[in-house]
Amino acid sequence: MLELIVKIQNAILGRKFAIEERGATAVEYALMVALIAVVVIGGVTLLGNNASSKFNSAAVTVH
């Protein structure tokens, strides 16, 4: 979408160059991967602690 807007602006203003998006796209993907990693680590930590306490409770009950 951004590329289309830039092409229209360039056509209106008579420019002959285009925008380079590869660098920006790589940064966006890196930010998404980092955010996903934070969410996954947080979820595993919460679920891991909860599962551990449930297993310990079941072990005490059985023992």
Protein backbone atom coordinates (compact mmCIF):
# COMPACT_ATOMS: atom_id res chain seq x y z
CA MET A 1 0.00 0.00 0.00
CA LEU A 2 2.80 2.39 0.91
CA GLU A 3 4.49 1.63 -2.39
CA LEU A 4 1.33 2.63 -4.28
CA ILE A 5 1.09 5.93 -2.39
CA VAL A 6 4.75 6.70 -3.10
CA LYS A 7 4.27 5.92 -6.80
CA ILE A 8 1.28 8.27 -6.96
CA GLN A 9 3.21 11.03 -5.17
CA ASN A 10 6.18 10.55 -7.48
CA ALA A 11 3.92 10.70 -10.53
CA ILE A 12 2.25 13.90 -9.30
CA LEU A 13 5.52 15.58 -8.37
CA GLY A 14 7.39 14.29 -11.42
CA ARG A 15 9.98 12.34 -9.48
CA LYS A 16 11.72 9.34 -10.99
CA PHE A 17 12.80 7.46 -7.87
CA ALA A 18 11.04 4.97 -5.61
CA ILE A 19 11.18 4.18 -1.91
CA GLU A 20 13.31 1.30 -0.63
CA GLU A 21 11.26 -0.74 1.87
CA ARG A 22 13.50 -3.72 2.62
CA GLY A 23 15.19 -2.13 5.64
CA ALA A 24 11.92 -0.99 7.18
CA THR A 25 10.30 -4.36 6.57
CA ALA A 26 13.17 -6.19 8.26
CA VAL A 27 12.84 -3.95 11.32
CA GLU A 28 9.09 -4.55 11.46
CA TYR A 29 9.58 -8.32 11.29
CA ALA A 30 12.24 -8.17 14.00
CA LEU A 31 9.89 -6.22 16.27
CA MET A 32 7.09 -8.73 15.66
CA VAL A 33 9.39 -11.67 16.43
CA ALA A 34 10.59 -9.99 19.62
CA LEU A 35 7.02 -9.30 20.75
CA ILE A 36 5.96 -12.88 20.01
CA ALA A 37 8.97 -14.17 21.96
CA VAL A 38 8.05 -12.03 24.98
CA VAL A 39 4.45 -13.25 24.89
CA VAL A 40 5.51 -16.90 24.54
CA ILE A 41 8.05 -16.64 27.37
CA GLY A 42 5.46 -14.97 29.62
CA GLY A 43 2.84 -17.60 28.81
CA VAL A 44 5.19 -20.50 29.38
CA THR A 45 6.32 -19.02 32.69
CA LEU A 46 2.75 -18.54 33.94
CA LEU A 47 1.54 -21.91 32.72
CA GLY A 48 4.67 -23.66 33.91
CA ASN A 49 4.32 -22.33 37.45
CA ASN A 50 0.61 -23.14 37.49
CA ALA A 51 1.18 -26.67 36.16
CA SER A 52 3.97 -27.26 38.67
CA SER A 53 1.74 -26.29 41.59
CA LYS A 54 -1.06 -28.53 40.29
CA PHE A 55 1.30 -31.51 39.94
CA ASN A 56 2.67 -30.89 43.44
CA SER A 57 -0.87 -30.70 44.83
CA ALA A 58 -1.80 -33.96 43.09
CA ALA A 59 1.39 -35.63 44.34
CA VAL A 60 0.66 -34.63 47.94
CA THR A 61 -2.92 -35.88 47.61
CA VAL A 62 -1.83 -39.23 46.17
CA HIS A 63 1.03 -39.69 48.61
